[in-house]
C-alpha atoms as a PDB file:
ATOM      1  CA  MET A   1       0.000   0.000   0.000  1.00  0.00           C
ATOM      2  CA  ASP A   2       1.106   3.571  -0.749  1.00  0.00           C
ATOM      3  CA  PRO A   3       2.359   5.125   2.499  1.00  0.00           C
ATOM      4  CA  THR A   4       0.006   8.070   2.012  1.00  0.00           C
ATOM      5  CA  THR A   5      -3.528   6.881   2.828  1.00  0.00           C
ATOM      6  CA  ALA A   6      -6.698   8.998   2.734  1.00  0.00           C
ATOM      7  CA  THR A   7      -9.839   8.005   4.653  1.00  0.00           C
ATOM      8  CA  THR A   8     -13.139   9.859   3.971  1.00  0.00           C
ATOM      9  CA  GLU A   9     -16.013   9.869   6.442  1.00  0.00           C
ATOM     10  CA  ASN A  10     -19.552  11.230   5.574  1.00  0.00           C
ATOM     11  CA  GLN A  11     -20.717  13.180   8.593  1.00  0.00           C
ATOM     12  CA  SER A  12     -24.375  14.054   7.393  1.00  0.00           C
ATOM     13  CA  SER A  13     -27.264  12.430   5.673  1.00  0.00           C
ATOM     14  CA  THR A  14     -30.491  13.578   4.156  1.00  0.00           C
ATOM     15  CA  PRO A  15     -33.624  13.677   6.344  1.00  0.00           C
ATOM     16  CA  ASN A  16     -35.009  10.592   4.597  1.00  0.00           C
ATOM     17  CA  GLY A  17     -31.857   8.672   5.344  1.00  0.00           C
ATOM     18  CA  VAL A  18     -30.619   8.426   1.742  1.00  0.00           C
ATOM     19  CA  GLY A  19     -26.914   8.778   1.690  1.00  0.00           C
ATOM     20  CA  PHE A  20     -24.956  11.057  -0.632  1.00  0.00           C
ATOM     21  CA  PRO A  21     -21.909   9.981  -2.431  1.00  0.00           C
ATOM     22  CA  SER A  22     -18.810  10.588  -0.421  1.00  0.00           C
ATOM     23  CA  ALA A  23     -16.480  13.269  -1.539  1.00  0.00           C
ATOM     24  CA  THR A  24     -12.712  12.651  -1.811  1.00  0.00           C
ATOM     25  CA  ALA A  25     -10.653  15.701  -1.057  1.00  0.00           C
ATOM     26  CA  ASP A  26      -7.633  16.724  -3.092  1.00  0.00           C
ATOM     27  CA  MET A  27      -4.772  15.545  -0.877  1.00  0.00           C
ATOM     28  CA  SER A  28      -2.019  17.405  -2.647  1.00  0.00           C
ATOM     29  CA  ALA A  29      -2.522  20.239  -0.237  1.00  0.00           C
ATOM     30  CA  PHE A  30      -1.620  17.968   2.633  1.00  0.00           C
ATOM     31  CA  ALA A  31       1.765  16.750   1.366  1.00  0.00           C
ATOM     32  CA  ALA A  32       4.102  15.858   4.242  1.00  0.00           C
ATOM     33  CA  PRO A  33       7.097  18.037   4.748  1.00  0.00           C
ATOM     34  CA  ALA A  34      10.625  16.549   4.267  1.00  0.00           C
ATOM     35  CA  VAL A  35      11.746  14.618   7.261  1.00  0.00           C
ATOM     36  CA  SER A  36      15.400  14.215   8.267  1.00  0.00           C
ATOM     37  CA  SER A  37      16.797  10.738   7.962  1.00  0.00           C
ATOM     38  CA  ASP A  38      18.111  11.023  11.510  1.00  0.00           C
ATOM     39  CA  ASP A  39      14.553  11.165  13.123  1.00  0.00           C
ATOM     40  CA  SER A  40      11.760   8.633  13.222  1.00  0.00           C
ATOM     41  CA  PRO A  41       8.657  10.758  12.237  1.00  0.00           C
ATOM     42  CA  SER A  42       5.222  10.159  13.661  1.00  0.00           C
ATOM     43  CA  PRO A  43       2.116   9.936  11.461  1.00  0.00           C
ATOM     44  CA  VAL A  44       0.321  13.305  10.855  1.00  0.00           C
ATOM     45  CA  THR A  45      -3.494  13.594  10.669  1.00  0.00           C
ATOM     46  CA  GLN A  46      -5.074  16.584   8.824  1.00  0.00           C
ATOM     47  CA  VAL A  47      -8.807  17.391   8.648  1.00  0.00           C
ATOM     48  CA  ALA A  48     -10.646  19.343   5.875  1.00  0.00           C
ATOM     49  CA  SER A  49     -14.313  20.490   5.726  1.00  0.00           C
ATOM     50  CA  GLN A  50     -16.382  21.005   2.556  1.00  0.00           C
ATOM     51  CA  THR A  51     -20.021  22.294   2.167  1.00  0.00           C
ATOM     52  CA  ASP A  52     -22.193  21.260  -0.735  1.00  0.00           C
ATOM     53  CA  PRO A  53     -24.039  24.490  -1.825  1.00  0.00           C
ATOM     54  CA  SER A  54     -26.931  22.636  -3.391  1.00  0.00           C
ATOM     55  CA  SER A  55     -27.816  20.607  -0.356  1.00  0.00           C
ATOM     56  CA  SER A  56     -26.324  22.602   2.468  1.00  0.00           C
ATOM     57  CA  THR A  57     -24.548  19.447   3.552  1.00  0.00           C
ATOM     58  CA  GLN A  58     -21.181  19.734   5.160  1.00  0.00           C
ATOM     59  CA  THR A  59     -18.671  16.988   4.542  1.00  0.00           C
ATOM     60  CA  THR A  60     -15.677  16.561   6.832  1.00  0.00           C
ATOM     61  CA  THR A  61     -12.641  14.721   5.464  1.00  0.00           C
ATOM     62  CA  SER A  62      -9.730  13.530   7.552  1.00  0.00           C
ATOM     63  CA  ALA A  63      -6.400  12.204   6.191  1.00  0.00           C
ATOM     64  CA  THR A  64      -3.685  10.328   8.033  1.00  0.00           C
ATOM     65  CA  ILE A  65      -0.293  10.875   6.400  1.00  0.00           C
ATOM     66  CA  THR A  66       2.728   8.771   7.259  1.00  0.00           C
ATOM     67  CA  PRO A  67       5.845  10.543   5.993  1.00  0.00           C
ATOM     68  CA  GLU A  68       8.358   8.465   4.052  1.00  0.00           C
ATOM     69  CA  THR A  69      11.572   7.661   5.823  1.00  0.00           C
ATOM     70  CA  VAL A  70      14.554   8.761   3.759  1.00  0.00           C
ATOM     71  CA  THR A  71      17.936   7.063   4.232  1.00  0.00           C
ATOM     72  CA  THR A  72      20.889   8.983   2.956  1.00  0.00           C
ATOM     73  CA  THR A  73      23.913   7.008   1.704  1.00  0.00           C
ATOM     74  CA  SER A  74      27.167   8.685   0.903  1.00  0.00           C
ATOM     75  CA  SER A  75      27.993   8.293  -2.758  1.00  0.00           C
ATOM     76  CA  SER A  76      31.720   8.526  -2.187  1.00  0.00           C
ATOM     77  CA  GLY A  77      31.946   4.932  -0.871  1.00  0.00           C
ATOM     78  CA  SER A  78      34.753   5.931   1.474  1.00  0.00           C
ATOM     79  CA  SER A  79      33.315   3.996   4.415  1.00  0.00           C
ATOM     80  CA  SER A  80      32.775   0.687   2.566  1.00  0.00           C
ATOM     81  CA  GLY A  81      36.026   1.157   0.640  1.00  0.00           C
ATOM     82  CA  GLY A  82      37.931   1.675   3.883  1.00  0.00           C
ATOM     83  CA  SER A  83      36.366  -1.464   5.337  1.00  0.00           C
ATOM     84  CA  ARG A  84      37.425  -3.456   2.293  1.00  0.00           C
ATOM     85  CA  ARG A  85      40.975  -2.097   2.536  1.00  0.00           C
ATOM     86  CA  ARG A  86      41.106  -3.025   6.209  1.00  0.00           C
ATOM     87  CA  ILE A  87      39.903  -6.553   5.426  1.00  0.00           C
ATOM     88  CA  ILE A  88      42.526  -6.913   2.668  1.00  0.00           C
ATOM     89  CA  MET A  89      45.298  -5.653   4.942  1.00  0.00           C
ATOM     90  CA  ILE A  90      44.263  -8.048   7.715  1.00  0.00           C
ATOM     91  CA  GLY A  91      44.260 -10.912   5.202  1.00  0.00           C
ATOM     92  CA  LEU A  92      47.764 -10.024   3.968  1.00  0.00           C
ATOM     93  CA  VAL A  93      49.058  -9.857   7.530  1.00  0.00           C
ATOM     94  CA  LEU A  94      47.604 -13.299   8.267  1.00  0.00           C
ATOM     95  CA  VAL A  95      49.099 -14.772   5.071  1.00  0.00           C
ATOM     96  CA  LEU A  96      52.540 -13.329   5.870  1.00  0.00           C
ATOM     97  CA  ALA A  97      52.328 -14.586   9.442  1.00  0.00           C
ATOM     98  CA  VAL A  98      51.456 -18.130   8.315  1.00  0.00           C
ATOM     99  CA  ALA A  99      54.241 -18.047   5.712  1.00  0.00           C
ATOM    100  CA  GLY A 100      56.727 -16.869   8.320  1.00  0.00           C
ATOM    101  CA  ILE A 101      55.741 -19.646  10.729  1.00  0.00           C
ATOM    102  CA  ALA A 102      56.026 -22.258   7.971  1.00  0.00           C
ATOM    103  CA  THR A 103      59.434 -20.955   6.897  1.00  0.00           C
ATOM    104  CA  GLY A 104      60.693 -20.908  10.460  1.00  0.00           C
ATOM    105  CA  THR A 105      59.478 -24.477  11.024  1.00  0.00           C
ATOM    106  CA  PHE A 106      61.225 -25.638   7.829  1.00  0.00           C
ATOM    107  CA  LEU A 107      64.484 -23.973   8.751  1.00  0.00           C
ATOM    108  CA  LEU A 108      64.382 -25.451  12.243  1.00  0.00           C
ATOM    109  CA  SER A 109      63.638 -28.945  10.942  1.00  0.00           C
ATOM    110  CA  ARG A 110      66.404 -29.164   8.308  1.00  0.00           C
ATOM    111  CA  PRO A 111      70.045 -29.856   9.192  1.00  0.00           C
ATOM    112  CA  GLN A 112      72.001 -26.669   9.446  1.00  0.00           C
ATOM    113  CA  ILE A 113      75.215 -26.726   7.411  1.00  0.00           C
ATOM    114  CA  ASP A 114      77.508 -23.770   7.394  1.00  0.00           C
ATOM    115  CA  GLN A 115      78.043 -22.882   3.754  1.00  0.00           C
ATOM    116  CA  SER A 116      80.164 -19.842   4.509  1.00  0.00           C
ATOM    117  CA  PHE A 117      83.443 -21.766   4.318  1.00  0.00           C
ATOM    118  CA  ALA A 118      85.336 -23.347   1.451  1.00  0.00           C
ATOM    119  CA  TRP A 119      86.026 -27.059   1.635  1.00  0.00           C
ATOM    120  CA  ASP A 120      89.652 -27.923   2.324  1.00  0.00           C
ATOM    121  CA  CYS A 121      90.293 -30.166  -0.670  1.00  0.00           C
ATOM    122  CA  THR A 122      93.748 -31.096   0.568  1.00  0.00           C
ATOM    123  CA  LEU A 123      92.012 -32.886   3.451  1.00  0.00           C
ATOM    124  CA  TYR A 124      88.695 -33.812   1.840  1.00  0.00           C
ATOM    125  CA  ARG A 125      89.723 -35.727  -1.245  1.00  0.00           C
ATOM    126  CA  PHE A 126      88.962 -38.471  -3.732  1.00  0.00           C
ATOM    127  CA  GLU A 127      91.394 -41.267  -4.560  1.00  0.00           C
ATOM    128  CA  VAL A 128      91.457 -43.757  -7.435  1.00  0.00           C
ATOM    129  CA  ASP A 129      93.909 -46.632  -7.159  1.00  0.00           C
ATOM    130  CA  GLN A 130      95.501 -48.579  -9.983  1.00  0.00           C
ATOM    131  CA  SER A 131      92.780 -51.223  -9.877  1.00  0.00           C
ATOM    132  CA  GLY A 132      90.041 -48.569 -10.269  1.00  0.00           C
ATOM    133  CA  SER A 133      88.739 -48.524  -6.670  1.00  0.00           C
ATOM    134  CA  VAL A 134      87.383 -45.055  -5.763  1.00  0.00           C
ATOM    135  CA  THR A 135      87.457 -43.749  -2.195  1.00  0.00           C
ATOM    136  CA  ALA A 136      86.248 -40.488  -0.601  1.00  0.00           C
ATOM    137  CA  LEU A 137      88.093 -39.342   2.537  1.00  0.00           C
ATOM    138  CA  ASN A 138      87.187 -36.492   4.889  1.00  0.00           C
ATOM    139  CA  GLY A 139      90.353 -35.572   6.759  1.00  0.00           C
ATOM    140  CA  SER A 140      89.064 -32.099   7.633  1.00  0.00           C
ATOM    141  CA  VAL A 141      87.807 -30.985  11.046  1.00  0.00           C
ATOM    142  CA  ARG A 142      84.277 -30.411   9.729  1.00  0.00           C
ATOM    143  CA  ASP A 143      81.416 -32.799   9.004  1.00  0.00           C
ATOM    144  CA  LEU A 144      80.618 -32.427   5.322  1.00  0.00           C
ATOM    145  CA  PRO A 145      77.352 -33.141   3.458  1.00  0.00           C
ATOM    146  CA  ALA A 146      76.600 -35.687   0.763  1.00  0.00           C
ATOM    147  CA  GLN A 147      77.388 -34.937  -2.854  1.00  0.00           C
ATOM    148  CA  GLN A 148      78.102 -36.678  -6.152  1.00  0.00           C
ATOM    149  CA  VAL A 149      81.418 -37.197  -7.918  1.00  0.00           C
ATOM    150  CA  ASP A 150      82.132 -37.708 -11.613  1.00  0.00           C
ATOM    151  CA  ILE A 151      85.082 -40.021 -12.393  1.00  0.00           C
ATOM    152  CA  TYR A 152      86.952 -39.472 -15.650  1.00  0.00           C
ATOM    153  CA  ILE A 153      89.408 -42.031 -17.042  1.00  0.00           C
ATOM    154  CA  ASN A 154      91.772 -40.773 -19.750  1.00  0.00           C
ATOM    155  CA  GLY A 155      89.601 -37.654 -20.094  1.00  0.00           C
ATOM    156  CA  GLU A 156      86.266 -39.442 -20.595  1.00  0.00           C
ATOM    157  CA  LEU A 157      83.435 -39.600 -18.060  1.00  0.00           C
ATOM    158  CA  SER A 158      83.277 -43.175 -16.837  1.00  0.00           C
ATOM    159  CA  VAL A 159      80.861 -43.229 -13.888  1.00  0.00           C
ATOM    160  CA  THR A 160      79.126 -40.981 -11.343  1.00  0.00           C
ATOM    161  CA  PHE A 161      79.069 -42.094  -7.711  1.00  0.00           C
ATOM    162  CA  ASP A 162      76.885 -40.909  -4.805  1.00  0.00           C
ATOM    163  CA  VAL A 163      79.116 -39.739  -1.957  1.00  0.00           C
ATOM    164  CA  PRO A 164      77.515 -40.032   1.507  1.00  0.00           C
ATOM    165  CA  ALA A 165      77.785 -37.340   4.165  1.00  0.00           C
ATOM    166  CA  LEU A 166      81.123 -37.840   5.907  1.00  0.00           C
ATOM    167  CA  SER A 167      81.904 -36.911   9.470  1.00  0.00           C
ATOM    168  CA  SER A 168      85.357 -35.613  10.284  1.00  0.00           C
ATOM    169  CA  GLY A 169      87.871 -38.449   9.881  1.00  0.00           C
ATOM    170  CA  ASP A 170      85.504 -40.775   7.994  1.00  0.00           C
ATOM    171  CA  SER A 171      86.023 -42.372   4.594  1.00  0.00           C
ATOM    172  CA  SER A 172      83.866 -44.370   2.189  1.00  0.00           C
ATOM    173  CA  VAL A 173      84.678 -46.737  -0.686  1.00  0.00           C
ATOM    174  CA  LEU A 174      82.346 -45.589  -3.462  1.00  0.00           C
ATOM    175  CA  GLY A 175      82.898 -48.366  -5.994  1.00  0.00           C
ATOM    176  CA  VAL A 176      85.147 -49.523  -8.805  1.00  0.00           C
ATOM    177  CA  VAL A 177      85.590 -47.803 -12.131  1.00  0.00           C
ATOM    178  CA  PRO A 178      86.864 -49.734 -15.179  1.00  0.00           C
ATOM    179  CA  VAL A 179      90.530 -48.955 -15.937  1.00  0.00           C
ATOM    180  CA  PRO A 180      92.957 -50.233 -18.597  1.00  0.00           C
ATOM    181  CA  GLU A 181      94.862 -53.351 -17.566  1.00  0.00           C
ATOM    182  CA  ASN A 182      98.651 -53.282 -17.469  1.00  0.00           C
ATOM    183  CA  SER A 183      98.841 -49.875 -19.085  1.00  0.00           C
ATOM    184  CA  SER A 184      99.075 -46.263 -18.056  1.00  0.00           C
ATOM    185  CA  PHE A 185      95.990 -44.120 -17.494  1.00  0.00           C
ATOM    186  CA  THR A 186      94.948 -40.782 -16.010  1.00  0.00           C
ATOM    187  CA  TRP A 187      91.997 -40.149 -13.735  1.00  0.00           C
ATOM    188  CA  ARG A 188      90.057 -37.130 -12.503  1.00  0.00           C
ATOM    189  CA  ALA A 189      87.403 -36.886  -9.783  1.00  0.00           C
ATOM    190  CA  ILE A 190      85.096 -33.826  -9.741  1.00  0.00           C
ATOM    191  CA  GLY A 191      82.673 -33.325  -6.847  1.00  0.00           C
ATOM    192  CA  ASN A 192      79.440 -31.557  -7.761  1.00  0.00           C
ATOM    193  CA  LYS A 193      79.677 -29.399  -4.611  1.00  0.00           C
ATOM    194  CA  ASP A 194      83.410 -29.046  -4.180  1.00  0.00           C
ATOM    195  CA  CYS A 195      86.836 -30.681  -4.599  1.00  0.00           C
ATOM    196  CA  ASP A 196      88.558 -31.787  -7.792  1.00  0.00           C
ATOM    197  CA  GLN A 197      91.497 -34.221  -7.774  1.00  0.00           C
ATOM    198  CA  THR A 198      93.582 -35.838 -10.502  1.00  0.00           C
ATOM    199  CA  GLY A 199      96.132 -38.625 -10.728  1.00  0.00           C
ATOM    200  CA  SER A 200      97.827 -41.017 -13.110  1.00  0.00           C
ATOM    201  CA  PHE A 201      99.375 -44.467 -13.264  1.00  0.00           C
ATOM    202  CA  GLY A 202     101.959 -45.952 -15.562  1.00  0.00           C
ATOM    203  CA  PRO A 203     102.158 -49.618 -16.477  1.00  0.00           C
ATOM    204  CA  GLU A 204     102.259 -51.945 -13.470  1.00  0.00           C
ATOM    205  CA  ALA A 205     105.736 -52.441 -12.135  1.00  0.00           C
ATOM    206  CA  THR A 206     107.365 -55.790 -12.728  1.00  0.00           C
ATOM    207  CA  ALA A 207     109.694 -57.028 -10.011  1.00  0.00           C
ATOM    208  CA  GLN A 208     111.297 -60.305  -9.077  1.00  0.00           C
ATOM    209  CA  CYS A 209     113.833 -61.765  -6.695  1.00  0.00           C
ATOM    210  CA  SER A 210     117.260 -62.885  -7.769  1.00  0.00           C
ATOM    211  CA  GLN A 211     118.756 -66.227  -6.796  1.00  0.00           C
ATOM    212  CA  VAL A 212     119.722 -66.740  -3.163  1.00  0.00           C
ATOM    213  CA  LYS A 213     123.487 -66.943  -2.610  1.00  0.00           C
ATOM    214  CA  ALA A 214     125.638 -68.110   0.339  1.00  0.00           C
ATOM    215  CA  PHE A 215     128.856 -66.530   1.548  1.00  0.00           C
ATOM    216  CA  THR A 216     131.316 -66.885   4.381  1.00  0.00           C
ATOM    217  CA  VAL A 217     131.739 -64.000   6.782  1.00  0.00           C
ATOM    218  CA  ASP A 218     134.666 -62.925   4.566  1.00  0.00           C
ATOM    219  CA  TRP A 219     132.349 -62.845   1.571  1.00  0.00           C
ATOM    220  CA  GLU A 220     133.774 -65.961  -0.009  1.00  0.00           C
ATOM    221  CA  PRO A 221     131.123 -67.711  -2.119  1.00  0.00           C
ATOM    222  CA  LEU A 222     129.795 -71.067  -0.919  1.00  0.00           C
ATOM    223  CA  THR A 223     128.311 -73.771  -3.075  1.00  0.00           C
ATOM    224  CA  THR A 224     125.563 -76.183  -2.116  1.00  0.00           C
ATOM    225  CA  THR A 225     128.199 -78.810  -1.435  1.00  0.00           C
ATOM    226  CA  ASP A 226     130.110 -76.390   0.779  1.00  0.00           C
ATOM    227  CA  LEU A 227     127.030 -75.899   2.950  1.00  0.00           C
ATOM    228  CA  THR A 228     126.811 -79.601   3.734  1.00  0.00           C
ATOM    229  CA  THR A 229     130.349 -79.556   5.122  1.00  0.00           C
ATOM    230  CA  LEU A 230     129.808 -76.722   7.552  1.00  0.00           C
ATOM    231  CA  GLU A 231     129.950 -77.578  11.235  1.00  0.00           C
ATOM    232  CA  ALA A 232     127.608 -76.494  14.002  1.00  0.00           C
ATOM    233  CA  GLY A 233     128.311 -72.974  15.212  1.00  0.00           C
ATOM    234  CA  GLU A 234     129.826 -71.751  11.950  1.00  0.00           C
ATOM    235  CA  LEU A 235     128.370 -68.586  10.387  1.00  0.00           C
ATOM    236  CA  VAL A 236     127.083 -68.274   6.888  1.00  0.00           C
ATOM    237  CA  ARG A 237     125.603 -65.230   5.119  1.00  0.00           C
ATOM    238  CA  PHE A 238     122.700 -65.641   2.767  1.00  0.00           C
ATOM    239  CA  THR A 239     121.992 -62.838   0.250  1.00  0.00           C
ATOM    240  CA  VAL A 240     119.155 -61.921  -2.088  1.00  0.00           C
ATOM    241  CA  GLY A 241     118.569 -59.075  -4.517  1.00  0.00           C
ATOM    242  CA  GLY A 242     115.995 -58.214  -7.164  1.00  0.00           C
ATOM    243  CA  THR A 243     115.207 -56.592 -10.480  1.00  0.00           C
ATOM    244  CA  THR A 244     112.337 -54.228 -11.275  1.00  0.00           C
ATOM    245  CA  SER A 245     110.950 -52.115 -14.104  1.00  0.00           C
ATOM    246  CA  ARG A 246     110.024 -49.318 -11.699  1.00  0.00           C
ATOM    247  CA  GLY A 247     110.370 -48.576  -8.023  1.00  0.00           C
ATOM    248  CA  SER A 248     112.925 -49.835  -5.516  1.00  0.00           C
ATOM    249  CA  PHE A 249     113.621 -52.480  -2.868  1.00  0.00           C
ATOM    250  CA  SER A 250     113.911 -51.686   0.814  1.00  0.00           C
ATOM    251  CA  ALA A 251     114.226 -54.958   2.794  1.00  0.00           C
ATOM    252  CA  ALA A 252     114.460 -58.729   2.616  1.00  0.00           C
ATOM    253  CA  ARG A 253     113.459 -61.708   4.732  1.00  0.00           C
ATOM    254  CA  PHE A 254     114.543 -65.349   4.646  1.00  0.00           C
ATOM    255  CA  THR A 255     112.839 -68.607   5.526  1.00  0.00           C
ATOM    256  CA  ILE A 256     115.402 -71.282   6.415  1.00  0.00           C
ATOM    257  CA  ASN A 257     114.259 -74.891   6.782  1.00  0.00           C
ATOM    258  CA  GLY A 258     110.673 -73.633   7.249  1.00  0.00           C
ATOM    259  CA  GLU A 259     111.461 -70.998   9.893  1.00  0.00           C
ATOM    260  CA  LEU A 260     110.829 -67.323   9.004  1.00  0.00           C
ATOM    261  CA  MET A 261     113.706 -65.154  10.091  1.00  0.00           C
ATOM    262  CA  GLU A 262     113.634 -61.498  11.038  1.00  0.00           C
ATOM    263  CA  GLU A 263     113.537 -58.821   8.344  1.00  0.00           C
ATOM    264  CA  VAL A 264     116.893 -57.342   7.311  1.00  0.00           C
ATOM    265  CA  THR A 265     117.909 -54.120   5.574  1.00  0.00           C
ATOM    266  CA  THR A 266     121.718 -54.436   5.553  1.00  0.00           C
ATOM    267  CA  LYS A 267     123.366 -55.003   2.174  1.00  0.00           C
ATOM    268  CA  ARG A 268     126.384 -56.874   0.904  1.00  0.00           C
ATOM    269  CA  PRO A 269     129.111 -54.299   0.363  1.00  0.00           C
ATOM    270  CA  GLY A 270     129.153 -52.806  -3.152  1.00  0.00           C
ATOM    271  CA  THR A 271     125.822 -54.381  -4.141  1.00  0.00           C
ATOM    272  CA  ASP A 272     122.045 -53.992  -3.761  1.00  0.00           C
ATOM    273  CA  GLU A 273     121.755 -57.458  -2.221  1.00  0.00           C
ATOM    274  CA  PHE A 274     120.401 -57.815   1.314  1.00  0.00           C
ATOM    275  CA  TYR A 275     121.931 -60.433   3.590  1.00  0.00           C
ATOM    276  CA  TYR A 276     121.113 -62.437   6.688  1.00  0.00           C
ATOM    277  CA  GLU A 277     123.794 -63.972   8.921  1.00  0.00           C
ATOM    278  CA  TYR A 278     122.895 -67.497  10.020  1.00  0.00           C
ATOM    279  CA  GLU A 279     124.527 -69.836  12.567  1.00  0.00           C
ATOM    280  CA  ILE A 280     124.634 -73.498  11.584  1.00  0.00           C
ATOM    281  CA  PRO A 281     122.667 -75.548  14.164  1.00  0.00           C
ATOM    282  CA  GLU A 282     123.760 -78.928  15.424  1.00  0.00           C
ATOM    283  CA  GLU A 283     123.046 -82.031  13.355  1.00  0.00           C
ATOM    284  CA  VAL A 284     121.799 -80.046  10.365  1.00  0.00           C
ATOM    285  CA  THR A 285     123.465 -80.643   7.013  1.00  0.00           C
ATOM    286  CA  ASP A 286     120.614 -79.974   4.562  1.00  0.00           C
ATOM    287  CA  PHE A 287     119.220 -76.509   3.982  1.00  0.00           C
ATOM    288  CA  THR A 288     116.070 -75.241   2.248  1.00  0.00           C
ATOM    289  CA  ILE A 289     116.203 -71.478   1.834  1.00  0.00           C
ATOM    290  CA  ASP A 290     113.481 -69.156   0.522  1.00  0.00           C
ATOM    291  CA  ALA A 291     113.751 -65.366   0.304  1.00  0.00           C
ATOM    292  CA  GLU A 292     111.372 -62.421  -0.227  1.00  0.00           C
ATOM    293  CA  ILE A 293     112.166 -58.843  -1.045  1.00  0.00           C
ATOM    294  CA  MET A 294     110.098 -55.719  -0.352  1.00  0.00           C
ATOM    295  CA  HIS A 295     109.225 -53.642  -3.428  1.00  0.00           C
ATOM    296  CA  SER A 296     108.019 -50.037  -3.145  1.00  0.00           C
ATOM    297  CA  GLU A 297     104.913 -50.727  -5.264  1.00  0.00           C
ATOM    298  CA  ALA A 298     104.456 -54.484  -5.433  1.00  0.00           C
ATOM    299  CA  GLY A 299     105.137 -55.223  -1.744  1.00  0.00           C
ATOM    300  CA  TRP A 300     106.693 -58.507  -0.723  1.00  0.00           C
ATOM    301  CA  ILE A 301     107.664 -60.573  -3.778  1.00  0.00           C
END
């Protein structure tokens, strides 16, 4: 219903009781004044009287007017816009706070490794031996993380090994890389985080012992027959030398009649032969003598 409502009441009637049509007043004259949006207006009732000249009948009209309530909204949108900006700012703060907590948790949960120092590659190193065995050694004072290492043989990538994290003083055999047999080769090991070492090998050294000889203490040679004539308590000197394609000899040891004697490093004068001085035991006339010589690369041969 329209908020402006007009109600008309007929206040007179003809003497014979026949009613006249009711008259509706022009309500434009009773328009409600503007009401401030800050107040809650009460309904206003206005009354108008009208006399019909032909019948001398007076008609009284009353109208109840309820003013419209006007709500004023700012067109600038500054209030709602400010609210939206505040909501956005609060959301950004919450997102940054959650991200910060997540980052802090991640950093606390991962192992902390100081990356501000250079690895000491004279102490942390890779080694490849002549058979192709690859070893990683951490001789530094720091625990170092895992990495990978590429192994090159004669300039070509041969294999990539996973290197475990190594505590200070630890080492790990990584595996074996194929290498040429009985020939020279070069190798290079490149860590994907740090350290790069190289090395090379020539052909494997060949070395062998020379024949065992027997001498008197005056360095007079003795034959096998001479040995059988020696008496108990006499001294004899056994010697051994060797030949090699590379490297050197540093010691010798003798096994006489099944008994291993102590290692010797003294040499027969003017030669590279090592000797051992032996006292002939009682009731022994037969001798079985074996000798070994220590080579700088091949070991005991």
